[in-house]
Amino acid sequence: MVLAIIVTGHTISRMLREPRAPAEFRRVSPRFWMARQTVIALVFAPLLGGALAVMAALGGGGWVLLPAGVAALAVLQWVIELGRYRTWGYAEREDDLIVRRGLMFRRVSVVPYGRMQLIDVTAGPVDRAFGLATVQLHTAAAATDARIPGLLRADADLLRDRLAAVGEAEATGL
């Protein structure tokens, strides 16, 4: 029984891959990692400064653990963000766009070009400082929405234009 499940699972996964060539995933820009580190520093530097001030005002003692705890949280956040940065990727295929992400819970979104309704390119203040943007794809089903953060602004604009052109061509049959 176990052998049949393994063989069947292997056969199904092979059948799903055969019609199309394997997708080559593109990574987000290394500037995205620098932007994430900047956000971590902007959040945790004042927290650490406040924890040090509280420790100094209350005379040390057991309060030494407060700045140590803030520093430990900052390091933990840094490790988590590094893992999240490494998992983002996207691939453009003939009929759809694949977006993968997730550190603990891996998520792969497949968005057919013909189902795309809107493509947003957004950039917050930190993203603009690093020349980055996020491409957000919207479909009729909220569960298939996908976003690709950390693209260079020019790459995000080109991806938006490419996806819009392919999406219009695919949607003409609807």
N, C-alpha and C. Protein backbone atom coordinates (compact mmCIF):
# COMPACT_ATOMS: atom_id res chain seq x y z
N MET A 1 0.82 -1.19 0.00
CA MET A 1 0.00 0.00 0.00
C MET A 1 0.87 1.26 0.00
N VAL A 2 1.89 1.30 0.84
CA VAL A 2 2.78 2.46 0.89
C VAL A 2 3.51 2.63 -0.43
N LEU A 3 3.96 1.53 -1.03
CA LEU A 3 4.65 1.60 -2.31
C LEU A 3 3.73 2.16 -3.39
N ALA A 4 2.46 1.77 -3.37
CA ALA A 4 1.50 2.28 -4.35
C ALA A 4 1.31 3.78 -4.20
N ILE A 5 1.26 4.27 -2.96
CA ILE A 5 1.10 5.71 -2.73
C ILE A 5 2.34 6.45 -3.22
N ILE A 6 3.52 5.94 -2.93
CA ILE A 6 4.75 6.58 -3.37
C ILE A 6 4.82 6.59 -4.89
N VAL A 7 4.54 5.46 -5.51
CA VAL A 7 4.58 5.39 -6.97
C VAL A 7 3.53 6.31 -7.57
N THR A 8 2.32 6.29 -7.01
CA THR A 8 1.25 7.14 -7.53
C THR A 8 1.61 8.61 -7.35
N GLY A 9 2.12 8.98 -6.18
CA GLY A 9 2.53 10.36 -5.95
C GLY A 9 3.62 10.79 -6.91
N HIS A 10 4.58 9.89 -7.16
CA HIS A 10 5.66 10.21 -8.09
C HIS A 10 5.10 10.35 -9.50
N THR A 11 4.20 9.45 -9.87
CA THR A 11 3.63 9.50 -11.20
C THR A 11 2.81 10.76 -11.40
N ILE A 12 2.02 11.14 -10.41
CA ILE A 12 1.21 12.35 -10.52
C ILE A 12 2.10 13.57 -10.63
N SER A 13 3.13 13.67 -9.79
CA SER A 13 4.01 14.84 -9.87
C SER A 13 4.74 14.88 -11.21
N ARG A 14 5.11 13.71 -11.75
CA ARG A 14 5.78 13.69 -13.04
C ARG A 14 4.81 14.10 -14.15
N MET A 15 3.57 13.67 -14.06
CA MET A 15 2.58 14.03 -15.06
C MET A 15 2.30 15.52 -15.03
N LEU A 16 2.30 16.11 -13.84
CA LEU A 16 2.06 17.54 -13.75
C LEU A 16 3.21 18.36 -14.31
N ARG A 17 4.42 17.82 -14.26
CA ARG A 17 5.58 18.55 -14.75
C ARG A 17 5.82 18.36 -16.23
N GLU A 18 5.42 17.25 -16.80
CA GLU A 18 5.78 16.95 -18.18
C GLU A 18 5.24 17.92 -19.23
N PRO A 19 4.00 18.42 -19.14
CA PRO A 19 3.51 19.27 -20.20
C PRO A 19 4.30 20.56 -20.38
N ARG A 20 4.95 21.01 -19.34
CA ARG A 20 5.69 22.28 -19.41
C ARG A 20 7.13 22.05 -18.96
N ALA A 21 7.97 22.90 -19.46
CA ALA A 21 9.37 22.85 -19.02
C ALA A 21 9.44 23.33 -17.58
N PRO A 22 10.43 22.85 -16.82
CA PRO A 22 10.55 23.30 -15.44
C PRO A 22 10.75 24.82 -15.38
N ALA A 23 10.11 25.44 -14.42
CA ALA A 23 10.19 26.89 -14.29
C ALA A 23 11.53 27.29 -13.67
N GLU A 24 12.10 28.34 -14.20
CA GLU A 24 13.33 28.91 -13.66
C GLU A 24 12.94 30.10 -12.78
N PHE A 25 13.11 29.96 -11.48
CA PHE A 25 12.69 31.01 -10.56
C PHE A 25 13.71 32.13 -10.53
N ARG A 26 13.19 33.36 -10.55
CA ARG A 26 14.03 34.55 -10.40
C ARG A 26 13.92 35.01 -8.96
N ARG A 27 15.03 35.48 -8.44
CA ARG A 27 15.07 35.95 -7.06
C ARG A 27 14.78 37.44 -7.01
N VAL A 28 14.41 37.91 -5.85
CA VAL A 28 14.22 39.35 -5.67
C VAL A 28 15.59 40.01 -5.55
N SER A 29 15.62 41.32 -5.64
CA SER A 29 16.88 42.07 -5.63
C SER A 29 17.59 41.98 -4.28
N PRO A 30 18.93 41.95 -4.28
CA PRO A 30 19.67 42.00 -3.01
C PRO A 30 19.41 43.28 -2.23
N ARG A 31 18.98 44.32 -2.92
CA ARG A 31 18.63 45.57 -2.22
C ARG A 31 17.45 45.35 -1.27
N PHE A 32 16.60 44.36 -1.58
CA PHE A 32 15.46 44.05 -0.72
C PHE A 32 15.95 43.63 0.66
N TRP A 33 17.02 42.85 0.71
CA TRP A 33 17.58 42.42 1.98
C TRP A 33 18.13 43.62 2.75
N MET A 34 18.78 44.53 2.04
CA MET A 34 19.28 45.74 2.70
C MET A 34 18.12 46.59 3.24
N ALA A 35 17.04 46.68 2.49
CA ALA A 35 15.87 47.44 2.94
C ALA A 35 15.26 46.80 4.18
N ARG A 36 15.18 45.46 4.21
CA ARG A 36 14.62 44.78 5.37
C ARG A 36 15.50 45.00 6.60
N GLN A 37 16.82 45.00 6.43
CA GLN A 37 17.72 45.26 7.55
C GLN A 37 17.55 46.69 8.06
N THR A 38 17.31 47.61 7.15
CA THR A 38 17.08 49.00 7.54
C THR A 38 15.81 49.11 8.39
N VAL A 39 14.76 48.43 7.99
CA VAL A 39 13.51 48.46 8.76
C VAL A 39 13.73 47.85 10.15
N ILE A 40 14.45 46.75 10.20
CA ILE A 40 14.74 46.12 11.51
C ILE A 40 15.51 47.10 12.39
N ALA A 41 16.50 47.78 11.83
CA ALA A 41 17.28 48.75 12.60
C ALA A 41 16.41 49.92 13.05
N LEU A 42 15.52 50.40 12.18
CA LEU A 42 14.66 51.53 12.54
C LEU A 42 13.67 51.15 13.64
N VAL A 43 13.29 49.90 13.72
CA VAL A 43 12.36 49.46 14.76
C VAL A 43 13.10 49.16 16.07
N PHE A 44 14.19 48.42 15.98
CA PHE A 44 14.82 47.92 17.20
C PHE A 44 15.83 48.89 17.83
N ALA A 45 16.39 49.83 17.09
CA ALA A 45 17.34 50.78 17.69
C ALA A 45 16.67 51.63 18.76
N PRO A 46 15.50 52.23 18.50
CA PRO A 46 14.86 52.99 19.58
C PRO A 46 14.41 52.10 20.75
N LEU A 47 13.97 50.88 20.44
CA LEU A 47 13.58 49.97 21.52
C LEU A 47 14.77 49.63 22.41
N LEU A 48 15.91 49.37 21.79
CA LEU A 48 17.11 49.07 22.57
C LEU A 48 17.56 50.28 23.36
N GLY A 49 17.49 51.46 22.75
CA GLY A 49 17.85 52.69 23.48
C GLY A 49 16.94 52.91 24.67
N GLY A 50 15.64 52.69 24.50
CA GLY A 50 14.70 52.82 25.61
C GLY A 50 14.97 51.79 26.70
N ALA A 51 15.29 50.56 26.32
CA ALA A 51 15.59 49.52 27.31
C ALA A 51 16.85 49.87 28.09
N LEU A 52 17.86 50.41 27.40
CA LEU A 52 19.08 50.84 28.10
C LEU A 52 18.81 52.00 29.05
N ALA A 53 17.94 52.93 28.63
CA ALA A 53 17.59 54.06 29.50
C ALA A 53 16.85 53.58 30.74
N VAL A 54 15.93 52.65 30.58
CA VAL A 54 15.20 52.10 31.73
C VAL A 54 16.17 51.40 32.67
N MET A 55 17.09 50.62 32.10
CA MET A 55 18.06 49.91 32.93
C MET A 55 18.94 50.89 33.72
N ALA A 56 19.39 51.97 33.04
CA ALA A 56 20.23 52.95 33.72
C ALA A 56 19.45 53.70 34.80
N ALA A 57 18.19 54.04 34.51
CA ALA A 57 17.39 54.79 35.47
C ALA A 57 17.06 53.98 36.72
N LEU A 58 16.91 52.67 36.54
CA LEU A 58 16.53 51.82 37.67
C LEU A 58 17.73 51.15 38.33
N GLY A 59 18.92 51.49 37.88
CA GLY A 59 20.12 51.05 38.56
C GLY A 59 20.61 49.66 38.24
N GLY A 60 20.38 49.17 37.05
CA GLY A 60 20.91 47.87 36.65
C GLY A 60 20.17 46.73 37.31
N GLY A 61 20.91 45.88 38.01
CA GLY A 61 20.31 44.73 38.68
C GLY A 61 19.67 43.79 37.67
N GLY A 62 18.45 43.39 37.96
CA GLY A 62 17.72 42.49 37.09
C GLY A 62 17.28 43.13 35.79
N TRP A 63 17.35 44.47 35.71
CA TRP A 63 16.94 45.19 34.51
C TRP A 63 17.92 45.01 33.36
N VAL A 64 19.06 44.39 33.62
CA VAL A 64 20.04 44.12 32.56
C VAL A 64 19.42 43.18 31.52
N LEU A 65 18.49 42.36 31.96
CA LEU A 65 17.86 41.42 31.05
C LEU A 65 16.97 42.11 30.01
N LEU A 66 16.49 43.32 30.30
CA LEU A 66 15.60 44.02 29.37
C LEU A 66 16.32 44.35 28.05
N PRO A 67 17.49 45.02 28.07
CA PRO A 67 18.17 45.27 26.79
C PRO A 67 18.65 43.98 26.14
N ALA A 68 19.02 42.98 26.93
CA ALA A 68 19.45 41.71 26.36
C ALA A 68 18.28 41.03 25.64
N GLY A 69 17.09 41.13 26.20
CA GLY A 69 15.91 40.56 25.55
C GLY A 69 15.57 41.28 24.25
N VAL A 70 15.67 42.60 24.25
CA VAL A 70 15.41 43.38 23.02
C VAL A 70 16.43 43.01 21.95
N ALA A 71 17.71 42.89 22.35
CA ALA A 71 18.75 42.51 21.39
C ALA A 71 18.50 41.11 20.84
N ALA A 72 18.06 40.19 21.70
CA ALA A 72 17.77 38.82 21.25
C ALA A 72 16.60 38.82 20.27
N LEU A 73 15.57 39.63 20.53
CA LEU A 73 14.45 39.73 19.60
C LEU A 73 14.88 40.31 18.26
N ALA A 74 15.80 41.29 18.30
CA ALA A 74 16.29 41.88 17.05
C ALA A 74 17.06 40.85 16.23
N VAL A 75 17.88 40.04 16.88
CA VAL A 75 18.63 39.00 16.17
C VAL A 75 17.67 37.95 15.61
N LEU A 76 16.67 37.56 16.39
CA LEU A 76 15.68 36.60 15.91
C LEU A 76 14.93 37.15 14.69
N GLN A 77 14.53 38.41 14.74
CA GLN A 77 13.85 39.03 13.61
C GLN A 77 14.76 39.08 12.39
N TRP A 78 16.03 39.35 12.61
CA TRP A 78 17.00 39.40 11.51
C TRP A 78 17.11 38.04 10.83
N VAL A 79 17.19 36.97 11.62
CA VAL A 79 17.28 35.61 11.07
C VAL A 79 16.02 35.26 10.30
N ILE A 80 14.86 35.61 10.85
CA ILE A 80 13.59 35.32 10.17
C ILE A 80 13.51 36.07 8.84
N GLU A 81 13.87 37.32 8.84
CA GLU A 81 13.82 38.12 7.60
C GLU A 81 14.80 37.61 6.56
N LEU A 82 15.96 37.13 7.00
CA LEU A 82 16.92 36.55 6.06
C LEU A 82 16.32 35.32 5.38
N GLY A 83 15.68 34.48 6.17
CA GLY A 83 15.03 33.30 5.60
C GLY A 83 13.91 33.66 4.66
N ARG A 84 13.10 34.65 5.03
CA ARG A 84 12.01 35.08 4.16
C ARG A 84 12.55 35.66 2.86
N TYR A 85 13.62 36.43 2.95
CA TYR A 85 14.23 37.01 1.74
C TYR A 85 14.68 35.91 0.78
N ARG A 86 15.29 34.88 1.33
CA ARG A 86 15.82 33.80 0.48
C ARG A 86 14.74 32.95 -0.18
N THR A 87 13.52 32.95 0.37
CA THR A 87 12.48 32.09 -0.19
C THR A 87 11.66 32.76 -1.29
N TRP A 88 11.70 34.09 -1.40
CA TRP A 88 10.90 34.76 -2.43
C TRP A 88 11.46 34.43 -3.80
N GLY A 89 10.58 34.12 -4.73
CA GLY A 89 10.99 33.88 -6.11
C GLY A 89 9.77 33.85 -7.00
N TYR A 90 9.99 34.09 -8.28
CA TYR A 90 8.88 34.04 -9.22
C TYR A 90 9.39 33.52 -10.55
N ALA A 91 8.46 32.94 -11.30
CA ALA A 91 8.80 32.39 -12.62
C ALA A 91 7.66 32.70 -13.57
N GLU A 92 8.03 33.18 -14.74
CA GLU A 92 7.05 33.43 -15.79
C GLU A 92 7.05 32.23 -16.72
N ARG A 93 5.88 31.61 -16.86
CA ARG A 93 5.76 30.48 -17.78
C ARG A 93 4.88 30.90 -18.96
N GLU A 94 4.64 29.98 -19.83
CA GLU A 94 3.87 30.29 -21.04
C GLU A 94 2.44 30.75 -20.72
N ASP A 95 1.78 30.08 -19.78
CA ASP A 95 0.38 30.36 -19.48
C ASP A 95 0.12 31.00 -18.13
N ASP A 96 1.14 31.05 -17.26
CA ASP A 96 0.89 31.54 -15.91
C ASP A 96 2.17 32.06 -15.27
N LEU A 97 1.96 32.68 -14.12
CA LEU A 97 3.05 33.20 -13.31
C LEU A 97 3.05 32.43 -12.00
N ILE A 98 4.22 31.97 -11.57
CA ILE A 98 4.34 31.24 -10.31
C ILE A 98 5.10 32.13 -9.33
N VAL A 99 4.56 32.26 -8.12
CA VAL A 99 5.22 33.03 -7.06
C VAL A 99 5.37 32.10 -5.87
N ARG A 100 6.60 31.99 -5.36
CA ARG A 100 6.82 31.14 -4.18
C ARG A 100 7.37 32.01 -3.06
N ARG A 101 7.03 31.61 -1.84
CA ARG A 101 7.50 32.34 -0.66
C ARG A 101 7.25 31.50 0.57
N GLY A 102 7.72 31.96 1.70
CA GLY A 102 7.41 31.32 2.97
C GLY A 102 8.61 30.65 3.59
N LEU A 103 8.80 30.90 4.86
CA LEU A 103 9.91 30.31 5.60
C LEU A 103 9.45 29.02 6.28
N MET A 104 8.51 29.12 7.19
CA MET A 104 7.99 27.91 7.85
C MET A 104 6.91 27.25 7.02
N PHE A 105 6.02 28.05 6.49
CA PHE A 105 4.93 27.54 5.68
C PHE A 105 5.17 27.98 4.25
N ARG A 106 5.60 27.07 3.42
CA ARG A 106 5.89 27.38 2.02
C ARG A 106 4.59 27.60 1.27
N ARG A 107 4.58 28.60 0.43
CA ARG A 107 3.39 28.90 -0.36
C ARG A 107 3.80 29.12 -1.80
N VAL A 108 3.10 28.46 -2.70
CA VAL A 108 3.33 28.62 -4.13
C VAL A 108 2.00 29.05 -4.74
N SER A 109 1.99 30.22 -5.37
CA SER A 109 0.79 30.72 -6.03
C SER A 109 0.99 30.65 -7.53
N VAL A 110 0.03 30.09 -8.22
CA VAL A 110 0.06 30.01 -9.67
C VAL A 110 -1.08 30.89 -10.18
N VAL A 111 -0.73 31.93 -10.91
CA VAL A 111 -1.73 32.87 -11.40
C VAL A 111 -1.78 32.77 -12.92
N PRO A 112 -2.88 32.23 -13.48
CA PRO A 112 -3.01 32.19 -14.94
C PRO A 112 -3.11 33.61 -15.50
N TYR A 113 -2.43 33.86 -16.59
CA TYR A 113 -2.43 35.20 -17.17
C TYR A 113 -3.84 35.68 -17.52
N GLY A 114 -4.67 34.79 -18.00
CA GLY A 114 -6.01 35.15 -18.40
C GLY A 114 -6.92 35.54 -17.25
N ARG A 115 -6.53 35.21 -16.01
CA ARG A 115 -7.35 35.51 -14.84
C ARG A 115 -6.94 36.80 -14.12
N MET A 116 -5.84 37.41 -14.56
CA MET A 116 -5.39 38.64 -13.91
C MET A 116 -6.34 39.78 -14.25
N GLN A 117 -6.74 40.53 -13.24
CA GLN A 117 -7.62 41.67 -13.44
C GLN A 117 -6.90 42.99 -13.26
N LEU A 118 -5.94 43.03 -12.36
CA LEU A 118 -5.26 44.28 -12.03
C LEU A 118 -3.84 43.96 -11.59
N ILE A 119 -2.91 44.80 -12.00
CA ILE A 119 -1.51 44.66 -11.60
C ILE A 119 -1.08 45.98 -11.00
N ASP A 120 -0.78 45.98 -9.71
CA ASP A 120 -0.32 47.18 -9.00
C ASP A 120 1.19 47.14 -8.85
N VAL A 121 1.81 48.30 -8.95
CA VAL A 121 3.21 48.46 -8.59
C VAL A 121 3.25 49.52 -7.51
N THR A 122 3.67 49.12 -6.31
CA THR A 122 3.70 50.04 -5.17
C THR A 122 5.09 50.09 -4.56
N ALA A 123 5.36 51.18 -3.85
CA ALA A 123 6.65 51.33 -3.15
C ALA A 123 6.44 52.23 -1.94
N GLY A 124 6.81 51.72 -0.78
CA GLY A 124 6.76 52.51 0.44
C GLY A 124 8.00 53.39 0.55
N PRO A 125 8.13 54.14 1.63
CA PRO A 125 9.27 55.05 1.77
C PRO A 125 10.63 54.34 1.78
N VAL A 126 10.73 53.22 2.49
CA VAL A 126 12.00 52.49 2.53
C VAL A 126 12.30 51.89 1.16
N ASP A 127 11.27 51.33 0.52
CA ASP A 127 11.47 50.78 -0.83
C ASP A 127 11.94 51.86 -1.80
N ARG A 128 11.32 53.03 -1.74
CA ARG A 128 11.74 54.13 -2.63
C ARG A 128 13.18 54.54 -2.37
N ALA A 129 13.58 54.54 -1.11
CA ALA A 129 14.97 54.91 -0.77
C ALA A 129 15.97 53.94 -1.38
N PHE A 130 15.57 52.68 -1.53
CA PHE A 130 16.45 51.67 -2.11
C PHE A 130 16.16 51.40 -3.59
N GLY A 131 15.23 52.14 -4.19
CA GLY A 131 14.91 51.96 -5.60
C GLY A 131 14.15 50.68 -5.88
N LEU A 132 13.29 50.25 -4.94
CA LEU A 132 12.55 49.00 -5.05
C LEU A 132 11.06 49.24 -5.22
N ALA A 133 10.36 48.21 -5.64
CA ALA A 133 8.91 48.25 -5.76
C ALA A 133 8.35 46.85 -5.57
N THR A 134 7.04 46.78 -5.31
CA THR A 134 6.33 45.52 -5.15
C THR A 134 5.29 45.42 -6.26
N VAL A 135 5.25 44.27 -6.92
CA VAL A 135 4.24 44.00 -7.93
C VAL A 135 3.16 43.15 -7.28
N GLN A 136 1.92 43.65 -7.31
CA GLN A 136 0.78 42.95 -6.71
C GLN A 136 -0.18 42.57 -7.83
N LEU A 137 -0.49 41.28 -7.92
CA LEU A 137 -1.41 40.78 -8.93
C LEU A 137 -2.76 40.52 -8.27
N HIS A 138 -3.83 40.99 -8.89
CA HIS A 138 -5.17 40.77 -8.37
C HIS A 138 -5.97 39.95 -9.37
N THR A 139 -6.70 38.98 -8.85
CA THR A 139 -7.60 38.17 -9.67
C THR A 139 -8.98 38.23 -9.03
N ALA A 140 -9.95 37.59 -9.69
CA ALA A 140 -11.31 37.57 -9.14
C ALA A 140 -11.35 36.81 -7.82
N ALA A 141 -10.55 35.77 -7.69
CA ALA A 141 -10.49 35.00 -6.45
C ALA A 141 -9.39 35.56 -5.57
N ALA A 142 -9.74 35.97 -4.37
CA ALA A 142 -8.76 36.57 -3.47
C ALA A 142 -7.64 35.61 -3.10
N ALA A 143 -7.93 34.32 -3.11
CA ALA A 143 -6.93 33.32 -2.71
C ALA A 143 -5.79 33.21 -3.72
N THR A 144 -5.99 33.64 -4.95
CA THR A 144 -4.93 33.51 -5.94
C THR A 144 -4.15 34.80 -6.14
N ASP A 145 -4.43 35.81 -5.34
CA ASP A 145 -3.64 37.03 -5.45
C ASP A 145 -2.19 36.72 -5.08
N ALA A 146 -1.29 37.37 -5.73
CA ALA A 146 0.13 37.14 -5.46
C ALA A 146 0.85 38.48 -5.48
N ARG A 147 1.91 38.56 -4.71
CA ARG A 147 2.74 39.77 -4.73
C ARG A 147 4.19 39.38 -4.78
N ILE A 148 4.96 40.23 -5.44
CA ILE A 148 6.40 40.00 -5.55
C ILE A 148 7.08 41.27 -5.04
N PRO A 149 7.60 41.25 -3.81
CA PRO A 149 8.28 42.44 -3.28
C PRO A 149 9.74 42.44 -3.69
N GLY A 150 10.38 43.57 -3.50
CA GLY A 150 11.83 43.64 -3.63
C GLY A 150 12.36 43.62 -5.05
N LEU A 151 11.56 44.05 -6.01
CA LEU A 151 12.07 44.16 -7.38
C LEU A 151 12.60 45.57 -7.59
N LEU A 152 13.64 45.69 -8.38
CA LEU A 152 14.10 47.02 -8.76
C LEU A 152 12.94 47.72 -9.47
N ARG A 153 12.83 49.03 -9.30
CA ARG A 153 11.68 49.76 -9.84
C ARG A 153 11.54 49.53 -11.36
N ALA A 154 12.64 49.58 -12.08
CA ALA A 154 12.58 49.37 -13.53
C ALA A 154 12.14 47.95 -13.86
N ASP A 155 12.63 46.96 -13.11
CA ASP A 155 12.22 45.57 -13.34
C ASP A 155 10.73 45.38 -13.02
N ALA A 156 10.25 46.05 -11.98
CA ALA A 156 8.84 45.95 -11.61
C ALA A 156 7.96 46.53 -12.71
N ASP A 157 8.38 47.67 -13.27
CA ASP A 157 7.61 48.28 -14.35
C ASP A 157 7.60 47.39 -15.59
N LEU A 158 8.75 46.80 -15.92
CA LEU A 158 8.81 45.90 -17.07
C LEU A 158 7.95 44.66 -16.85
N LEU A 159 8.00 44.10 -15.64
CA LEU A 159 7.18 42.92 -15.34
C LEU A 159 5.70 43.27 -15.44
N ARG A 160 5.31 44.43 -14.90
CA ARG A 160 3.92 44.86 -14.99
C ARG A 160 3.47 44.97 -16.45
N ASP A 161 4.30 45.61 -17.28
CA ASP A 161 3.95 45.77 -18.69
C ASP A 161 3.86 44.43 -19.42
N ARG A 162 4.82 43.54 -19.13
CA ARG A 162 4.80 42.21 -19.75
C ARG A 162 3.56 41.42 -19.33
N LEU A 163 3.26 41.42 -18.04
CA LEU A 163 2.10 40.70 -17.55
C LEU A 163 0.80 41.29 -18.08
N ALA A 164 0.73 42.60 -18.18
CA ALA A 164 -0.49 43.24 -18.71
C ALA A 164 -0.69 42.86 -20.18
N ALA A 165 0.40 42.87 -20.96
CA ALA A 165 0.29 42.52 -22.39
C ALA A 165 -0.13 41.07 -22.56
N VAL A 166 0.50 40.17 -21.82
CA VAL A 166 0.16 38.75 -21.93
C VAL A 166 -1.25 38.51 -21.38
N GLY A 167 -1.61 39.19 -20.29
CA GLY A 167 -2.94 39.03 -19.72
C GLY A 167 -4.03 39.50 -20.66
N GLU A 168 -3.81 40.59 -21.37
CA GLU A 168 -4.79 41.07 -22.34
C GLU A 168 -4.95 40.08 -23.49
N ALA A 169 -3.84 39.52 -23.93
CA ALA A 169 -3.90 38.55 -25.03
C ALA A 169 -4.63 37.29 -24.58
N GLU A 170 -4.41 36.84 -23.35
CA GLU A 170 -5.05 35.62 -22.84
C GLU A 170 -6.53 35.86 -22.55
N ALA A 171 -6.90 37.07 -22.14
CA ALA A 171 -8.27 37.34 -21.73
C ALA A 171 -9.20 37.59 -22.92
N THR A 172 -8.67 37.70 -24.12
CA THR A 172 -9.53 38.02 -25.26
C THR A 172 -10.53 36.92 -25.54
N GLY A 173 -10.26 35.69 -25.14
CA GLY A 173 -11.18 34.60 -25.38
C GLY A 173 -12.32 34.54 -24.37
N LEU A 174 -12.29 35.36 -23.32
CA LEU A 174 -13.34 35.31 -22.31
C LEU A 174 -14.57 36.07 -22.74
